[in-house]
PDB file of N, CA and C in Angstrom:
ATOM      1  N   MET A   1     -21.511  19.659  15.548  1.00  0.00           N
ATOM      2  CA  MET A   1     -22.403  18.576  15.166  1.00  0.00           C
ATOM      3  C   MET A   1     -23.281  19.439  13.943  1.00  0.00           C
ATOM      4  N   LEU A   2     -23.354  18.530  12.827  1.00  0.00           N
ATOM      5  CA  LEU A   2     -24.165  19.191  11.884  1.00  0.00           C
ATOM      6  C   LEU A   2     -25.862  18.764  11.980  1.00  0.00           C
ATOM      7  N   SER A   3     -26.657  19.757  11.573  1.00  0.00           N
ATOM      8  CA  SER A   3     -28.164  19.796  11.767  1.00  0.00           C
ATOM      9  C   SER A   3     -28.591  18.999  10.654  1.00  0.00           C
ATOM     10  N   LEU A   4     -29.502  18.232  10.559  1.00  0.00           N
ATOM     11  CA  LEU A   4     -30.032  17.705   9.618  1.00  0.00           C
ATOM     12  C   LEU A   4     -29.843  18.658   8.345  1.00  0.00           C
ATOM     13  N   LYS A   5     -30.686  19.578   8.171  1.00  0.00           N
ATOM     14  CA  LYS A   5     -30.704  20.894   7.420  1.00  0.00           C
ATOM     15  C   LYS A   5     -29.119  20.738   6.509  1.00  0.00           C
ATOM     16  N   GLU A   6     -28.211  21.138   7.439  1.00  0.00           N
ATOM     17  CA  GLU A   6     -26.840  21.119   6.673  1.00  0.00           C
ATOM     18  C   GLU A   6     -26.389  19.849   6.066  1.00  0.00           C
ATOM     19  N   CYS A   7     -26.887  18.732   6.575  1.00  0.00           N
ATOM     20  CA  CYS A   7     -26.073  17.316   6.000  1.00  0.00           C
ATOM     21  C   CYS A   7     -27.124  17.315   4.823  1.00  0.00           C
ATOM     22  N   LEU A   8     -28.135  17.416   4.797  1.00  0.00           N
ATOM     23  CA  LEU A   8     -29.026  17.220   3.303  1.00  0.00           C
ATOM     24  C   LEU A   8     -28.703  18.339   2.306  1.00  0.00           C
ATOM     25  N   ILE A   9     -28.265  19.744   2.704  1.00  0.00           N
ATOM     26  CA  ILE A   9     -27.549  20.526   1.814  1.00  0.00           C
ATOM     27  C   ILE A   9     -26.298  19.944   1.080  1.00  0.00           C
ATOM     28  N   GLY A  10     -25.229  19.087   1.926  1.00  0.00           N
ATOM     29  CA  GLY A  10     -24.269  18.577   1.497  1.00  0.00           C
ATOM     30  C   GLY A  10     -24.266  17.713   0.645  1.00  0.00           C
ATOM     31  N   LEU A  11     -25.326  16.698   1.020  1.00  0.00           N
ATOM     32  CA  LEU A  11     -25.641  15.370   0.482  1.00  0.00           C
ATOM     33  C   LEU A  11     -26.525  16.193  -1.163  1.00  0.00           C
ATOM     34  N   TRP A  12     -26.641  17.432  -1.184  1.00  0.00           N
ATOM     35  CA  TRP A  12     -26.914  18.173  -2.843  1.00  0.00           C
ATOM     36  C   TRP A  12     -25.928  18.655  -3.412  1.00  0.00           C
ATOM     37  N   TYR A  13     -25.043  19.164  -2.685  1.00  0.00           N
ATOM     38  CA  TYR A  13     -24.063  19.997  -3.200  1.00  0.00           C
ATOM     39  C   TYR A  13     -23.038  19.079  -3.647  1.00  0.00           C
ATOM     40  N   TRP A  14     -22.456  18.000  -2.513  1.00  0.00           N
ATOM     41  CA  TRP A  14     -21.203  17.239  -3.184  1.00  0.00           C
ATOM     42  C   TRP A  14     -21.392  16.561  -4.500  1.00  0.00           C
ATOM     43  N   PRO A  15     -22.325  15.911  -4.903  1.00  0.00           N
ATOM     44  CA  PRO A  15     -22.582  15.158  -6.097  1.00  0.00           C
ATOM     45  C   PRO A  15     -22.522  16.563  -7.474  1.00  0.00           C
ATOM     46  N   LYS A  16     -23.049  17.325  -7.199  1.00  0.00           N
ATOM     47  CA  LYS A  16     -22.644  18.268  -8.087  1.00  0.00           C
ATOM     48  C   LYS A  16     -21.280  18.866  -8.133  1.00  0.00           C
ATOM     49  N   TYR A  17     -20.724  19.366  -7.074  1.00  0.00           N
ATOM     50  CA  TYR A  17     -19.524  19.381  -7.076  1.00  0.00           C
ATOM     51  C   TYR A  17     -18.528  18.639  -7.875  1.00  0.00           C
ATOM     52  N   ARG A  18     -18.753  17.240  -7.404  1.00  0.00           N
ATOM     53  CA  ARG A  18     -17.597  16.104  -7.861  1.00  0.00           C
ATOM     54  C   ARG A  18     -18.167  15.710  -9.254  1.00  0.00           C
ATOM     55  N   PHE A  19     -19.286  15.904  -9.917  1.00  0.00           N
ATOM     56  CA  PHE A  19     -19.767  15.099 -10.915  1.00  0.00           C
ATOM     57  C   PHE A  19     -19.660  16.422 -12.091  1.00  0.00           C
ATOM     58  N   LEU A  20     -19.937  17.562 -11.689  1.00  0.00           N
ATOM     59  CA  LEU A  20     -20.149  18.500 -12.634  1.00  0.00           C
ATOM     60  C   LEU A  20     -19.167  19.623 -12.854  1.00  0.00           C
ATOM     61  N   GLY A  21     -18.203  19.883 -11.564  1.00  0.00           N
ATOM     62  CA  GLY A  21     -17.533  20.932 -11.284  1.00  0.00           C
ATOM     63  C   GLY A  21     -16.107  21.038 -11.639  1.00  0.00           C
ATOM     64  N   ARG A  22     -15.422  21.730 -11.927  1.00  0.00           N
ATOM     65  CA  ARG A  22     -14.320  22.105 -12.438  1.00  0.00           C
ATOM     66  C   ARG A  22     -13.235  22.302 -11.265  1.00  0.00           C
ATOM     67  N   CYS A  23     -11.984  21.682 -11.414  1.00  0.00           N
ATOM     68  CA  CYS A  23     -11.135  21.791 -10.455  1.00  0.00           C
ATOM     69  C   CYS A  23     -10.637  23.088 -10.451  1.00  0.00           C
ATOM     70  N   TRP A  24     -10.213  23.831  -9.430  1.00  0.00           N
ATOM     71  CA  TRP A  24     -10.022  25.289  -9.142  1.00  0.00           C
ATOM     72  C   TRP A  24      -8.543  25.252  -8.967  1.00  0.00           C
ATOM     73  N   ALA A  25      -7.469  24.263  -8.898  1.00  0.00           N
ATOM     74  CA  ALA A  25      -6.205  24.559  -8.690  1.00  0.00           C
ATOM     75  C   ALA A  25      -5.578  24.876  -9.779  1.00  0.00           C
ATOM     76  N   MET A  26      -4.482  25.814  -9.271  1.00  0.00           N
ATOM     77  CA  MET A  26      -3.691  26.397 -10.504  1.00  0.00           C
ATOM     78  C   MET A  26      -3.214  25.433 -11.242  1.00  0.00           C
ATOM     79  N   GLY A  27      -3.422  25.574 -12.696  1.00  0.00           N
ATOM     80  CA  GLY A  27      -2.717  24.761 -13.796  1.00  0.00           C
ATOM     81  C   GLY A  27      -3.571  23.460 -14.036  1.00  0.00           C
ATOM     82  N   CYS A  28      -4.636  23.204 -13.185  1.00  0.00           N
ATOM     83  CA  CYS A  28      -5.280  22.196 -13.459  1.00  0.00           C
ATOM     84  C   CYS A  28      -6.652  22.425 -14.417  1.00  0.00           C
ATOM     85  N   GLY A  29      -7.673  22.656 -13.804  1.00  0.00           N
ATOM     86  CA  GLY A  29      -9.145  23.028 -14.618  1.00  0.00           C
ATOM     87  C   GLY A  29      -9.410  21.956 -14.986  1.00  0.00           C
ATOM     88  N   ARG A  30      -9.289  20.687 -14.808  1.00  0.00           N
ATOM     89  CA  ARG A  30     -10.245  19.459 -15.286  1.00  0.00           C
ATOM     90  C   ARG A  30     -11.431  19.428 -14.700  1.00  0.00           C
ATOM     91  N   PRO A  31     -12.314  18.811 -15.425  1.00  0.00           N
ATOM     92  CA  PRO A  31     -13.591  18.310 -14.631  1.00  0.00           C
ATOM     93  C   PRO A  31     -12.896  17.543 -13.220  1.00  0.00           C
ATOM     94  N   MET A  32     -13.749  17.846 -12.228  1.00  0.00           N
ATOM     95  CA  MET A  32     -13.519  16.506 -10.835  1.00  0.00           C
ATOM     96  C   MET A  32     -13.944  15.391 -11.382  1.00  0.00           C
ATOM     97  N   VAL A  33     -14.794  14.993 -12.008  1.00  0.00           N
ATOM     98  CA  VAL A  33     -14.802  13.533 -12.359  1.00  0.00           C
ATOM     99  C   VAL A  33     -13.974  12.783 -12.982  1.00  0.00           C
ATOM    100  N   LEU A  34     -13.110  13.389 -13.481  1.00  0.00           N
ATOM    101  CA  LEU A  34     -11.767  12.734 -14.183  1.00  0.00           C
ATOM    102  C   LEU A  34     -10.658  12.699 -13.223  1.00  0.00           C
ATOM    103  N   HIS A  35     -10.784  13.514 -11.892  1.00  0.00           N
ATOM    104  CA  HIS A  35      -9.830  13.270 -11.106  1.00  0.00           C
ATOM    105  C   HIS A  35      -9.647  12.150 -10.655  1.00  0.00           C
ATOM    106  N   SER A  36      -8.106  11.238 -10.363  1.00  0.00           N
ATOM    107  CA  SER A  36      -8.422  10.139  -9.765  1.00  0.00           C
ATOM    108  C   SER A  36      -8.119  10.595  -8.085  1.00  0.00           C
ATOM    109  N   PRO A  37      -8.266   9.617  -7.561  1.00  0.00           N
ATOM    110  CA  PRO A  37      -8.182  10.057  -5.722  1.00  0.00           C
ATOM    111  C   PRO A  37      -6.642  10.568  -5.491  1.00  0.00           C
ATOM    112  N   TRP A  38      -5.534  10.191  -6.136  1.00  0.00           N
ATOM    113  CA  TRP A  38      -4.393  11.080  -6.174  1.00  0.00           C
ATOM    114  C   TRP A  38      -3.985  12.291  -6.541  1.00  0.00           C
ATOM    115  N   ALA A  39      -4.758  12.401  -7.770  1.00  0.00           N
ATOM    116  CA  ALA A  39      -4.932  13.879  -8.472  1.00  0.00           C
ATOM    117  C   ALA A  39      -5.630  14.715  -7.755  1.00  0.00           C
ATOM    118  N   ARG A  40      -6.801  14.210  -7.047  1.00  0.00           N
ATOM    119  CA  ARG A  40      -7.484  14.891  -6.289  1.00  0.00           C
ATOM    120  C   ARG A  40      -6.832  15.345  -5.089  1.00  0.00           C
ATOM    121  N   TYR A  41      -6.075  14.465  -4.506  1.00  0.00           N
ATOM    122  CA  TYR A  41      -5.390  14.486  -3.248  1.00  0.00           C
ATOM    123  C   TYR A  41      -4.176  15.715  -3.676  1.00  0.00           C
ATOM    124  N   ASP A  42      -3.608  15.681  -4.897  1.00  0.00           N
ATOM    125  CA  ASP A  42      -2.585  16.664  -5.166  1.00  0.00           C
ATOM    126  C   ASP A  42      -3.101  18.145  -5.303  1.00  0.00           C
ATOM    127  N   CYS A  43      -4.339  18.032  -6.182  1.00  0.00           N
ATOM    128  CA  CYS A  43      -5.050  19.206  -6.471  1.00  0.00           C
ATOM    129  C   CYS A  43      -5.340  19.884  -5.223  1.00  0.00           C
ATOM    130  N   GLU A  44      -5.957  19.316  -4.243  1.00  0.00           N
ATOM    131  CA  GLU A  44      -6.332  19.967  -2.764  1.00  0.00           C
ATOM    132  C   GLU A  44      -5.187  20.560  -2.070  1.00  0.00           C
ATOM    133  N   ARG A  45      -4.201  20.029  -2.248  1.00  0.00           N
ATOM    134  CA  ARG A  45      -2.988  20.856  -1.964  1.00  0.00           C
ATOM    135  C   ARG A  45      -2.091  21.972  -2.545  1.00  0.00           C
ATOM    136  N   THR A  46      -2.815  22.451  -4.059  1.00  0.00           N
ATOM    137  CA  THR A  46      -2.414  23.031  -4.891  1.00  0.00           C
ATOM    138  C   THR A  46      -3.064  24.616  -4.692  1.00  0.00           C
ATOM    139  N   PRO A  47      -2.159  25.704  -4.497  1.00  0.00           N
ATOM    140  CA  PRO A  47      -2.593  27.001  -4.388  1.00  0.00           C
ATOM    141  C   PRO A  47      -4.072  27.188  -5.679  1.00  0.00           C
ATOM    142  N   MET A  48      -5.297  27.788  -5.192  1.00  0.00           N
ATOM    143  CA  MET A  48      -6.098  28.048  -6.115  1.00  0.00           C
ATOM    144  C   MET A  48      -5.874  29.168  -7.159  1.00  0.00           C
ATOM    145  N   ALA A  49      -6.225  28.994  -8.311  1.00  0.00           N
ATOM    146  CA  ALA A  49      -6.224  30.032  -9.270  1.00  0.00           C
ATOM    147  C   ALA A  49      -6.871  31.069  -9.486  1.00  0.00           C
ATOM    148  N   ILE A  50      -7.031  31.766  -8.261  1.00  0.00           N
ATOM    149  CA  ILE A  50      -8.097  32.813  -8.139  1.00  0.00           C
ATOM    150  C   ILE A  50      -7.026  34.157  -7.742  1.00  0.00           C
ATOM    151  N   SER A  51      -7.525  35.226  -8.007  1.00  0.00           N
ATOM    152  CA  SER A  51      -6.519  36.386  -7.726  1.00  0.00           C
ATOM    153  C   SER A  51      -7.521  37.654  -6.905  1.00  0.00           C
ATOM    154  N   LEU A  52      -6.680  38.468  -6.362  1.00  0.00           N
ATOM    155  CA  LEU A  52      -7.522  39.578  -5.890  1.00  0.00           C
ATOM    156  C   LEU A  52      -7.807  40.511  -6.949  1.00  0.00           C
ATOM    157  N   THR A  53      -8.903  41.176  -6.853  1.00  0.00           N
ATOM    158  CA  THR A  53      -9.031  42.633  -7.706  1.00  0.00           C
ATOM    159  C   THR A  53      -8.522  43.577  -7.189  1.00  0.00           C
ATOM    160  N   GLU A  54      -8.180  44.914  -7.930  1.00  0.00           N
ATOM    161  CA  GLU A  54      -7.775  46.014  -7.347  1.00  0.00           C
ATOM    162  C   GLU A  54      -8.737  46.412  -5.929  1.00  0.00           C
ATOM    163  N   GLN A  55      -9.727  46.517  -6.254  1.00  0.00           N
ATOM    164  CA  GLN A  55     -11.008  46.774  -4.988  1.00  0.00           C
ATOM    165  C   GLN A  55     -10.753  45.708  -3.927  1.00  0.00           C
ATOM    166  N   GLY A  56     -10.551  44.684  -4.115  1.00  0.00           N
ATOM    167  CA  GLY A  56     -10.314  43.491  -3.153  1.00  0.00           C
ATOM    168  C   GLY A  56      -8.966  43.859  -2.282  1.00  0.00           C
ATOM    169  N   MET A  57      -8.074  44.020  -3.155  1.00  0.00           N
ATOM    170  CA  MET A  57      -6.539  44.334  -2.617  1.00  0.00           C
ATOM    171  C   MET A  57      -6.970  45.712  -1.535  1.00  0.00           C
ATOM    172  N   ALA A  58      -7.536  46.582  -2.083  1.00  0.00           N
ATOM    173  CA  ALA A  58      -7.597  48.188  -1.332  1.00  0.00           C
ATOM    174  C   ALA A  58      -8.642  47.675   0.127  1.00  0.00           C
ATOM    175  N   ARG A  59      -9.184  46.780  -0.017  1.00  0.00           N
ATOM    176  CA  ARG A  59     -10.034  46.542   1.347  1.00  0.00           C
ATOM    177  C   ARG A  59      -8.987  45.781   2.230  1.00  0.00           C
ATOM    178  N   VAL A  60      -8.244  45.006   1.471  1.00  0.00           N
ATOM    179  CA  VAL A  60      -7.130  44.469   2.449  1.00  0.00           C
ATOM    180  C   VAL A  60      -6.376  45.626   3.134  1.00  0.00           C
ATOM    181  N   LEU A  61      -5.822  46.336   2.377  1.00  0.00           N
ATOM    182  CA  LEU A  61      -4.705  47.228   2.841  1.00  0.00           C
ATOM    183  C   LEU A  61      -5.606  48.112   3.936  1.00  0.00           C
ATOM    184  N   ILE A  62      -6.681  48.348   3.878  1.00  0.00           N
ATOM    185  CA  ILE A  62      -7.752  49.226   4.869  1.00  0.00           C
ATOM    186  C   ILE A  62      -7.981  48.612   6.349  1.00  0.00           C
ATOM    187  N   ALA A  63      -7.995  47.072   5.891  1.00  0.00           N
ATOM    188  CA  ALA A  63      -8.238  46.136   7.367  1.00  0.00           C
ATOM    189  C   ALA A  63      -6.767  46.131   7.824  1.00  0.00           C
ATOM    190  N   GLU A  64      -5.817  45.953   7.222  1.00  0.00           N
ATOM    191  CA  GLU A  64      -4.622  45.877   7.765  1.00  0.00           C
ATOM    192  C   GLU A  64      -4.191  47.308   8.382  1.00  0.00           C
ATOM    193  N   ALA A  65      -4.348  48.312   7.787  1.00  0.00           N
ATOM    194  CA  ALA A  65      -4.304  49.559   8.688  1.00  0.00           C
ATOM    195  C   ALA A  65      -5.102  49.931   9.862  1.00  0.00           C
ATOM    196  N   GLU A  66      -6.293  49.169   9.758  1.00  0.00           N
ATOM    197  CA  GLU A  66      -7.079  49.444  10.962  1.00  0.00           C
ATOM    198  C   GLU A  66      -6.760  48.575  12.101  1.00  0.00           C
ATOM    199  N   ASP A  67      -5.881  47.208  11.778  1.00  0.00           N
ATOM    200  CA  ASP A  67      -5.210  46.805  12.768  1.00  0.00           C
ATOM    201  C   ASP A  67      -4.334  47.304  13.285  1.00  0.00           C
ATOM    202  N   LEU A  68      -3.765  47.954  12.940  1.00  0.00           N
ATOM    203  CA  LEU A  68      -2.524  48.594  13.226  1.00  0.00           C
ATOM    204  C   LEU A  68      -2.751  49.633  14.081  1.00  0.00           C
ATOM    205  N   ILE A  69      -4.044  50.573  13.525  1.00  0.00           N
ATOM    206  CA  ILE A  69      -4.584  51.556  14.647  1.00  0.00           C
ATOM    207  C   ILE A  69      -4.962  50.979  16.036  1.00  0.00           C
ATOM    208  N   ALA A  70      -5.531  50.108  15.786  1.00  0.00           N
ATOM    209  CA  ALA A  70      -6.145  49.545  17.138  1.00  0.00           C
ATOM    210  C   ALA A  70      -5.221  48.910  18.072  1.00  0.00           C
TER     211      ALA A  70
END
């Protein structure tokens, strides 16, 4: 169950994301306000257009190695 504070934070950020944000889906990048419900449905199931940096990939490899040792 969400606290009142968490609900109020969500009420502040949802319109900001929905009306001013851009889509992060790979190959999209449109403003979120221009998405129809069906387009938003498709974009929510598309991989995000982000990638790991070399430093991030090194951290992943270290974490995997620690899991193998443990």
